[in-house]
Amino acid sequence: MNMDERWVNRSPKAMLETFHWFRGEGFNMIIEDILRLPKDPSVIAEGFRLLPHLVKPLLAVHSHAVWLLPTPEFRQAVLDSRGGPKWRFLGETSDPERALRNLLERDAMFTHRLYDEAKPLELTTIEVDATMTVDDLTRRVTEGFGL
């Protein structure tokens, strides 16, 4: 696909459903890499390939996993701080504003999917919004990990 076909002309729902990393592709390679690391010090792995239903069976304790769920406002602020619609690949489309809207909507749907998946599995989620300070987030993550 060219940049417009990927980011402008498809619906955010189609973008979500066809993004292989949101389906856990590569998860096993991440686990293989983690298992090769020394047990001390502890390791924190992050990324959108670490889906709750894939991670939970590997947890000895539920509190060994935390999912950070950005609000749409937080995602917007992050992308704005990186240049908004002119940021990286968005600026390579014929309609960067629409590409940005599509990206933000796709990401919001993915965040909802993570929440809907993590809650029934009794896994910890933390909503991250634009008003949260680094200290607040650090405290919440520390509590989430049970430290």
N, C-alpha and C. Protein backbone atom coordinates (compact mmCIF):
# COMPACT_ATOMS: atom_id res chain seq x y z
N MET A 1 0.84 -1.19 0.00
CA MET A 1 0.00 0.00 0.00
C MET A 1 0.88 1.25 0.00
N ASN A 2 0.38 2.28 -0.65
CA ASN A 2 1.07 3.55 -0.53
C ASN A 2 0.58 4.25 0.74
N MET A 3 1.14 5.39 1.05
CA MET A 3 0.83 6.07 2.32
C MET A 3 -0.64 6.47 2.41
N ASP A 4 -1.24 6.93 1.32
CA ASP A 4 -2.66 7.30 1.36
C ASP A 4 -3.55 6.08 1.54
N GLU A 5 -3.21 4.99 0.85
CA GLU A 5 -4.00 3.77 1.00
C GLU A 5 -3.96 3.27 2.44
N ARG A 6 -2.83 3.42 3.08
CA ARG A 6 -2.67 2.93 4.46
C ARG A 6 -3.31 3.86 5.48
N TRP A 7 -3.09 5.18 5.37
CA TRP A 7 -3.44 6.10 6.45
C TRP A 7 -4.61 7.04 6.17
N VAL A 8 -4.96 7.27 4.91
CA VAL A 8 -6.00 8.24 4.58
C VAL A 8 -7.27 7.56 4.08
N ASN A 9 -7.14 6.60 3.19
CA ASN A 9 -8.31 6.04 2.49
C ASN A 9 -8.98 4.89 3.22
N ARG A 10 -8.35 4.30 4.20
CA ARG A 10 -8.96 3.19 4.95
C ARG A 10 -9.60 3.72 6.21
N SER A 11 -10.61 3.02 6.67
CA SER A 11 -11.24 3.40 7.94
C SER A 11 -10.32 3.02 9.09
N PRO A 12 -10.42 3.74 10.21
CA PRO A 12 -9.64 3.36 11.38
C PRO A 12 -9.92 1.91 11.82
N LYS A 13 -11.17 1.46 11.67
CA LYS A 13 -11.50 0.08 12.03
C LYS A 13 -10.74 -0.91 11.15
N ALA A 14 -10.69 -0.65 9.84
CA ALA A 14 -9.93 -1.52 8.94
C ALA A 14 -8.44 -1.47 9.29
N MET A 15 -7.96 -0.29 9.66
CA MET A 15 -6.56 -0.16 10.06
C MET A 15 -6.27 -1.02 11.29
N LEU A 16 -7.18 -1.00 12.24
CA LEU A 16 -7.02 -1.79 13.47
C LEU A 16 -7.04 -3.28 13.16
N GLU A 17 -8.02 -3.71 12.39
CA GLU A 17 -8.21 -5.13 12.13
C GLU A 17 -7.09 -5.75 11.29
N THR A 18 -6.38 -4.94 10.53
CA THR A 18 -5.34 -5.48 9.65
C THR A 18 -3.92 -5.23 10.15
N PHE A 19 -3.78 -4.59 11.32
CA PHE A 19 -2.45 -4.32 11.84
C PHE A 19 -1.97 -5.54 12.61
N HIS A 20 -1.08 -6.31 12.01
CA HIS A 20 -0.66 -7.60 12.54
C HIS A 20 -0.07 -7.52 13.95
N TRP A 21 0.59 -6.45 14.29
CA TRP A 21 1.18 -6.36 15.63
C TRP A 21 0.10 -6.28 16.70
N PHE A 22 -1.07 -5.75 16.35
CA PHE A 22 -2.17 -5.70 17.31
C PHE A 22 -2.80 -7.08 17.49
N ARG A 23 -2.36 -8.05 16.76
CA ARG A 23 -2.86 -9.41 16.87
C ARG A 23 -1.85 -10.32 17.57
N GLY A 24 -0.75 -9.72 18.05
CA GLY A 24 0.23 -10.50 18.80
C GLY A 24 1.37 -11.05 17.96
N GLU A 25 1.43 -10.69 16.67
CA GLU A 25 2.52 -11.19 15.85
C GLU A 25 3.85 -10.75 16.45
N GLY A 26 4.76 -11.66 16.55
CA GLY A 26 6.07 -11.38 17.12
C GLY A 26 6.14 -11.61 18.62
N PHE A 27 5.01 -11.93 19.26
CA PHE A 27 4.98 -12.11 20.71
C PHE A 27 5.96 -13.20 21.15
N ASN A 28 5.97 -14.32 20.45
CA ASN A 28 6.85 -15.43 20.84
C ASN A 28 8.32 -15.04 20.77
N MET A 29 8.68 -14.20 19.81
CA MET A 29 10.08 -13.76 19.72
C MET A 29 10.44 -12.85 20.90
N ILE A 30 9.49 -12.04 21.34
CA ILE A 30 9.72 -11.20 22.52
C ILE A 30 9.97 -12.08 23.74
N ILE A 31 9.15 -13.09 23.91
CA ILE A 31 9.31 -14.01 25.05
C ILE A 31 10.66 -14.72 24.98
N GLU A 32 11.05 -15.18 23.80
CA GLU A 32 12.35 -15.83 23.64
C GLU A 32 13.47 -14.88 24.06
N ASP A 33 13.39 -13.63 23.66
CA ASP A 33 14.41 -12.65 24.04
C ASP A 33 14.44 -12.44 25.55
N ILE A 34 13.27 -12.32 26.16
CA ILE A 34 13.20 -12.11 27.61
C ILE A 34 13.78 -13.30 28.36
N LEU A 35 13.49 -14.51 27.90
CA LEU A 35 13.99 -15.71 28.58
C LEU A 35 15.51 -15.83 28.49
N ARG A 36 16.12 -15.19 27.52
CA ARG A 36 17.58 -15.23 27.39
C ARG A 36 18.27 -14.24 28.33
N LEU A 37 17.51 -13.32 28.91
CA LEU A 37 18.09 -12.32 29.80
C LEU A 37 18.34 -12.91 31.19
N PRO A 38 19.31 -12.35 31.92
CA PRO A 38 19.51 -12.81 33.30
C PRO A 38 18.28 -12.51 34.16
N LYS A 39 18.05 -13.31 35.16
CA LYS A 39 16.87 -13.13 36.02
C LYS A 39 17.00 -11.90 36.92
N ASP A 40 18.24 -11.49 37.22
CA ASP A 40 18.48 -10.29 38.01
C ASP A 40 19.34 -9.34 37.21
N PRO A 41 19.06 -8.07 37.18
CA PRO A 41 17.90 -7.42 37.80
C PRO A 41 16.63 -7.74 37.03
N SER A 42 15.52 -7.36 37.59
CA SER A 42 14.23 -7.60 36.96
C SER A 42 14.15 -6.91 35.60
N VAL A 43 13.28 -7.43 34.77
CA VAL A 43 13.11 -6.90 33.42
C VAL A 43 11.70 -6.38 33.27
N ILE A 44 11.57 -5.22 32.64
CA ILE A 44 10.25 -4.71 32.27
C ILE A 44 10.19 -4.70 30.75
N ALA A 45 9.20 -5.35 30.21
CA ALA A 45 8.99 -5.37 28.75
C ALA A 45 7.76 -4.54 28.45
N GLU A 46 7.81 -3.79 27.35
CA GLU A 46 6.66 -2.97 27.00
C GLU A 46 6.45 -3.03 25.50
N GLY A 47 5.22 -2.77 25.10
CA GLY A 47 4.91 -2.71 23.69
C GLY A 47 3.52 -3.23 23.41
N PHE A 48 2.97 -2.82 22.27
CA PHE A 48 1.60 -3.17 21.96
C PHE A 48 1.44 -4.59 21.45
N ARG A 49 2.52 -5.33 21.35
CA ARG A 49 2.41 -6.76 21.01
C ARG A 49 2.16 -7.61 22.25
N LEU A 50 2.31 -7.01 23.42
CA LEU A 50 2.14 -7.74 24.67
C LEU A 50 0.66 -7.66 25.09
N LEU A 51 -0.14 -8.46 24.45
CA LEU A 51 -1.58 -8.44 24.67
C LEU A 51 -1.94 -9.21 25.94
N PRO A 52 -2.92 -8.72 26.69
CA PRO A 52 -3.27 -9.36 27.96
C PRO A 52 -3.51 -10.87 27.86
N HIS A 53 -4.23 -11.31 26.85
CA HIS A 53 -4.53 -12.75 26.77
C HIS A 53 -3.29 -13.59 26.47
N LEU A 54 -2.27 -12.98 25.90
CA LEU A 54 -1.01 -13.69 25.64
C LEU A 54 -0.10 -13.68 26.86
N VAL A 55 -0.12 -12.58 27.60
CA VAL A 55 0.78 -12.41 28.75
C VAL A 55 0.28 -13.18 29.97
N LYS A 56 -1.03 -13.15 30.23
CA LYS A 56 -1.56 -13.72 31.46
C LYS A 56 -1.11 -15.16 31.72
N PRO A 57 -1.13 -16.06 30.75
CA PRO A 57 -0.70 -17.44 31.05
C PRO A 57 0.75 -17.56 31.49
N LEU A 58 1.55 -16.55 31.24
CA LEU A 58 2.97 -16.58 31.59
C LEU A 58 3.26 -15.96 32.95
N LEU A 59 2.25 -15.39 33.59
CA LEU A 59 2.45 -14.69 34.86
C LEU A 59 2.33 -15.63 36.04
N ALA A 60 3.31 -15.56 36.92
CA ALA A 60 3.21 -16.29 38.18
C ALA A 60 2.28 -15.55 39.13
N VAL A 61 2.27 -14.21 39.02
CA VAL A 61 1.46 -13.34 39.86
C VAL A 61 0.85 -12.28 38.95
N HIS A 62 -0.45 -12.02 39.11
CA HIS A 62 -1.13 -11.02 38.26
C HIS A 62 -0.47 -9.65 38.31
N SER A 63 0.09 -9.30 39.46
CA SER A 63 0.67 -7.97 39.60
C SER A 63 2.02 -7.83 38.88
N HIS A 64 2.44 -8.87 38.18
CA HIS A 64 3.68 -8.76 37.41
C HIS A 64 3.44 -8.15 36.03
N ALA A 65 2.23 -7.66 35.80
CA ALA A 65 1.91 -7.03 34.52
C ALA A 65 1.01 -5.82 34.74
N VAL A 66 1.28 -4.77 34.00
CA VAL A 66 0.48 -3.54 34.06
C VAL A 66 0.35 -3.03 32.63
N TRP A 67 -0.85 -2.62 32.25
CA TRP A 67 -1.07 -2.03 30.93
C TRP A 67 -1.39 -0.55 31.10
N LEU A 68 -0.62 0.29 30.42
CA LEU A 68 -0.87 1.73 30.42
C LEU A 68 -1.80 2.03 29.25
N LEU A 69 -2.92 2.66 29.56
CA LEU A 69 -3.95 2.93 28.56
C LEU A 69 -4.09 4.43 28.37
N PRO A 70 -3.52 4.96 27.30
CA PRO A 70 -3.57 6.41 27.09
C PRO A 70 -4.97 6.87 26.68
N THR A 71 -5.40 7.99 27.22
CA THR A 71 -6.66 8.58 26.78
C THR A 71 -6.44 9.18 25.39
N PRO A 72 -7.52 9.40 24.65
CA PRO A 72 -7.37 10.07 23.34
C PRO A 72 -6.68 11.42 23.46
N GLU A 73 -6.97 12.16 24.52
CA GLU A 73 -6.34 13.47 24.73
C GLU A 73 -4.83 13.33 24.94
N PHE A 74 -4.42 12.29 25.67
CA PHE A 74 -3.00 12.06 25.88
C PHE A 74 -2.31 11.73 24.56
N ARG A 75 -2.91 10.82 23.78
CA ARG A 75 -2.33 10.46 22.48
C ARG A 75 -2.22 11.69 21.58
N GLN A 76 -3.27 12.53 21.59
CA GLN A 76 -3.25 13.75 20.78
C GLN A 76 -2.10 14.64 21.22
N ALA A 77 -1.93 14.81 22.53
CA ALA A 77 -0.85 15.66 23.05
C ALA A 77 0.52 15.11 22.66
N VAL A 78 0.67 13.79 22.72
CA VAL A 78 1.95 13.18 22.34
C VAL A 78 2.24 13.45 20.87
N LEU A 79 1.26 13.19 20.01
CA LEU A 79 1.48 13.40 18.58
C LEU A 79 1.68 14.88 18.26
N ASP A 80 0.95 15.76 18.96
CA ASP A 80 1.16 17.20 18.75
C ASP A 80 2.59 17.59 19.11
N SER A 81 3.11 17.01 20.20
CA SER A 81 4.47 17.34 20.63
C SER A 81 5.52 16.85 19.64
N ARG A 82 5.13 15.89 18.80
CA ARG A 82 6.05 15.35 17.79
C ARG A 82 5.87 16.01 16.42
N GLY A 83 4.98 16.96 16.35
CA GLY A 83 4.79 17.65 15.08
C GLY A 83 3.41 17.49 14.48
N GLY A 84 2.51 16.83 15.20
CA GLY A 84 1.13 16.67 14.72
C GLY A 84 1.07 15.99 13.37
N PRO A 85 0.26 16.52 12.47
CA PRO A 85 0.08 15.85 11.18
C PRO A 85 1.34 15.86 10.31
N LYS A 86 2.31 16.67 10.64
CA LYS A 86 3.55 16.69 9.87
C LYS A 86 4.56 15.66 10.37
N TRP A 87 4.20 14.94 11.46
CA TRP A 87 5.11 13.99 12.08
C TRP A 87 5.32 12.78 11.16
N ARG A 88 6.54 12.49 10.90
CA ARG A 88 7.00 11.32 10.17
C ARG A 88 6.09 10.94 9.00
N PHE A 89 5.53 9.76 9.05
CA PHE A 89 4.78 9.21 7.92
C PHE A 89 3.49 9.97 7.63
N LEU A 90 2.92 10.62 8.63
CA LEU A 90 1.68 11.36 8.40
C LEU A 90 1.89 12.48 7.38
N GLY A 91 3.03 13.12 7.46
CA GLY A 91 3.35 14.20 6.54
C GLY A 91 3.60 13.73 5.12
N GLU A 92 3.74 12.43 4.93
CA GLU A 92 3.97 11.87 3.60
C GLU A 92 2.66 11.53 2.88
N THR A 93 1.52 11.82 3.50
CA THR A 93 0.23 11.54 2.88
C THR A 93 -0.29 12.79 2.19
N SER A 94 -1.34 12.61 1.37
CA SER A 94 -1.95 13.76 0.70
C SER A 94 -2.85 14.56 1.64
N ASP A 95 -3.22 13.95 2.78
CA ASP A 95 -4.11 14.61 3.74
C ASP A 95 -3.64 14.29 5.16
N PRO A 96 -2.56 14.94 5.61
CA PRO A 96 -2.01 14.64 6.92
C PRO A 96 -3.00 14.79 8.07
N GLU A 97 -3.91 15.77 7.99
CA GLU A 97 -4.90 15.95 9.05
C GLU A 97 -5.81 14.73 9.17
N ARG A 98 -6.28 14.24 8.05
CA ARG A 98 -7.14 13.05 8.07
C ARG A 98 -6.36 11.82 8.52
N ALA A 99 -5.12 11.69 8.06
CA ALA A 99 -4.29 10.57 8.48
C ALA A 99 -4.11 10.59 10.00
N LEU A 100 -3.90 11.77 10.57
CA LEU A 100 -3.76 11.90 12.02
C LEU A 100 -5.05 11.50 12.72
N ARG A 101 -6.18 11.98 12.24
CA ARG A 101 -7.48 11.60 12.85
C ARG A 101 -7.67 10.09 12.79
N ASN A 102 -7.36 9.49 11.64
CA ASN A 102 -7.51 8.04 11.50
C ASN A 102 -6.60 7.29 12.47
N LEU A 103 -5.36 7.75 12.57
CA LEU A 103 -4.41 7.12 13.49
C LEU A 103 -4.90 7.22 14.93
N LEU A 104 -5.36 8.40 15.33
CA LEU A 104 -5.84 8.59 16.70
C LEU A 104 -7.07 7.73 16.98
N GLU A 105 -7.97 7.63 16.01
CA GLU A 105 -9.16 6.81 16.22
C GLU A 105 -8.79 5.33 16.27
N ARG A 106 -7.89 4.89 15.41
CA ARG A 106 -7.44 3.50 15.45
C ARG A 106 -6.81 3.19 16.81
N ASP A 107 -5.95 4.08 17.29
CA ASP A 107 -5.29 3.85 18.57
C ASP A 107 -6.29 3.85 19.72
N ALA A 108 -7.32 4.70 19.66
CA ALA A 108 -8.35 4.71 20.70
C ALA A 108 -9.10 3.38 20.72
N MET A 109 -9.41 2.84 19.55
CA MET A 109 -10.09 1.54 19.48
C MET A 109 -9.21 0.43 20.04
N PHE A 110 -7.91 0.50 19.75
CA PHE A 110 -6.99 -0.50 20.30
C PHE A 110 -6.93 -0.40 21.81
N THR A 111 -6.87 0.82 22.33
CA THR A 111 -6.85 1.01 23.78
C THR A 111 -8.10 0.44 24.42
N HIS A 112 -9.25 0.67 23.83
CA HIS A 112 -10.50 0.09 24.35
C HIS A 112 -10.44 -1.43 24.31
N ARG A 113 -9.89 -1.96 23.25
CA ARG A 113 -9.76 -3.43 23.14
C ARG A 113 -8.88 -3.97 24.26
N LEU A 114 -7.77 -3.29 24.54
CA LEU A 114 -6.89 -3.73 25.64
C LEU A 114 -7.63 -3.72 26.96
N TYR A 115 -8.35 -2.63 27.23
CA TYR A 115 -9.11 -2.54 28.48
C TYR A 115 -10.14 -3.66 28.56
N ASP A 116 -10.89 -3.86 27.50
CA ASP A 116 -11.93 -4.89 27.49
C ASP A 116 -11.34 -6.29 27.65
N GLU A 117 -10.11 -6.49 27.22
CA GLU A 117 -9.46 -7.78 27.35
C GLU A 117 -8.84 -7.96 28.74
N ALA A 118 -8.24 -6.92 29.28
CA ALA A 118 -7.53 -7.02 30.55
C ALA A 118 -8.47 -7.15 31.75
N LYS A 119 -9.58 -6.43 31.74
CA LYS A 119 -10.47 -6.42 32.91
C LYS A 119 -11.00 -7.79 33.28
N PRO A 120 -11.60 -8.56 32.37
CA PRO A 120 -12.10 -9.88 32.78
C PRO A 120 -10.98 -10.84 33.18
N LEU A 121 -9.77 -10.57 32.73
CA LEU A 121 -8.62 -11.39 33.12
C LEU A 121 -8.04 -10.95 34.45
N GLU A 122 -8.64 -9.89 35.04
CA GLU A 122 -8.21 -9.34 36.32
C GLU A 122 -6.76 -8.85 36.29
N LEU A 123 -6.40 -8.23 35.17
CA LEU A 123 -5.07 -7.66 35.01
C LEU A 123 -5.14 -6.15 35.21
N THR A 124 -4.07 -5.58 35.70
CA THR A 124 -4.04 -4.17 36.07
C THR A 124 -3.92 -3.27 34.85
N THR A 125 -4.79 -2.28 34.80
CA THR A 125 -4.71 -1.25 33.77
C THR A 125 -4.62 0.11 34.47
N ILE A 126 -3.92 1.02 33.83
CA ILE A 126 -3.78 2.38 34.35
C ILE A 126 -4.08 3.34 33.21
N GLU A 127 -5.10 4.16 33.41
CA GLU A 127 -5.41 5.18 32.42
C GLU A 127 -4.41 6.32 32.54
N VAL A 128 -3.81 6.68 31.44
CA VAL A 128 -2.83 7.76 31.41
C VAL A 128 -3.44 8.93 30.65
N ASP A 129 -3.59 10.05 31.34
CA ASP A 129 -4.15 11.22 30.66
C ASP A 129 -3.13 12.35 30.65
N ALA A 130 -3.45 13.40 29.93
CA ALA A 130 -2.51 14.50 29.71
C ALA A 130 -2.21 15.30 30.98
N THR A 131 -3.02 15.12 32.03
CA THR A 131 -2.78 15.86 33.27
C THR A 131 -1.88 15.10 34.25
N MET A 132 -1.63 13.83 33.97
CA MET A 132 -0.85 13.00 34.88
C MET A 132 0.62 13.39 34.82
N THR A 133 1.22 13.58 35.98
CA THR A 133 2.65 13.89 36.03
C THR A 133 3.46 12.60 35.98
N VAL A 134 4.73 12.74 35.70
CA VAL A 134 5.61 11.58 35.69
C VAL A 134 5.62 10.92 37.07
N ASP A 135 5.64 11.74 38.13
CA ASP A 135 5.62 11.19 39.49
C ASP A 135 4.33 10.43 39.76
N ASP A 136 3.18 10.97 39.30
CA ASP A 136 1.91 10.27 39.48
C ASP A 136 1.93 8.92 38.76
N LEU A 137 2.40 8.93 37.54
CA LEU A 137 2.44 7.69 36.77
C LEU A 137 3.40 6.69 37.41
N THR A 138 4.54 7.16 37.86
CA THR A 138 5.50 6.28 38.53
C THR A 138 4.88 5.64 39.76
N ARG A 139 4.19 6.44 40.55
CA ARG A 139 3.52 5.91 41.74
C ARG A 139 2.48 4.86 41.37
N ARG A 140 1.65 5.15 40.37
CA ARG A 140 0.59 4.22 39.96
C ARG A 140 1.17 2.92 39.42
N VAL A 141 2.24 3.01 38.62
CA VAL A 141 2.87 1.80 38.08
C VAL A 141 3.49 0.99 39.22
N THR A 142 4.17 1.67 40.14
CA THR A 142 4.78 0.99 41.28
C THR A 142 3.72 0.25 42.08
N GLU A 143 2.59 0.92 42.34
CA GLU A 143 1.48 0.27 43.05
C GLU A 143 0.93 -0.89 42.23
N GLY A 144 0.80 -0.69 40.92
CA GLY A 144 0.28 -1.74 40.05
C GLY A 144 1.12 -3.00 40.09
N PHE A 145 2.44 -2.81 40.16
CA PHE A 145 3.34 -3.94 40.26
C PHE A 145 3.41 -4.51 41.67
N GLY A 146 2.74 -3.88 42.61
CA GLY A 146 2.74 -4.35 43.99
C GLY A 146 4.08 -4.14 44.68
N LEU A 147 4.79 -3.11 44.29
CA LEU A 147 6.11 -2.84 44.90
C LEU A 147 5.99 -1.86 46.04
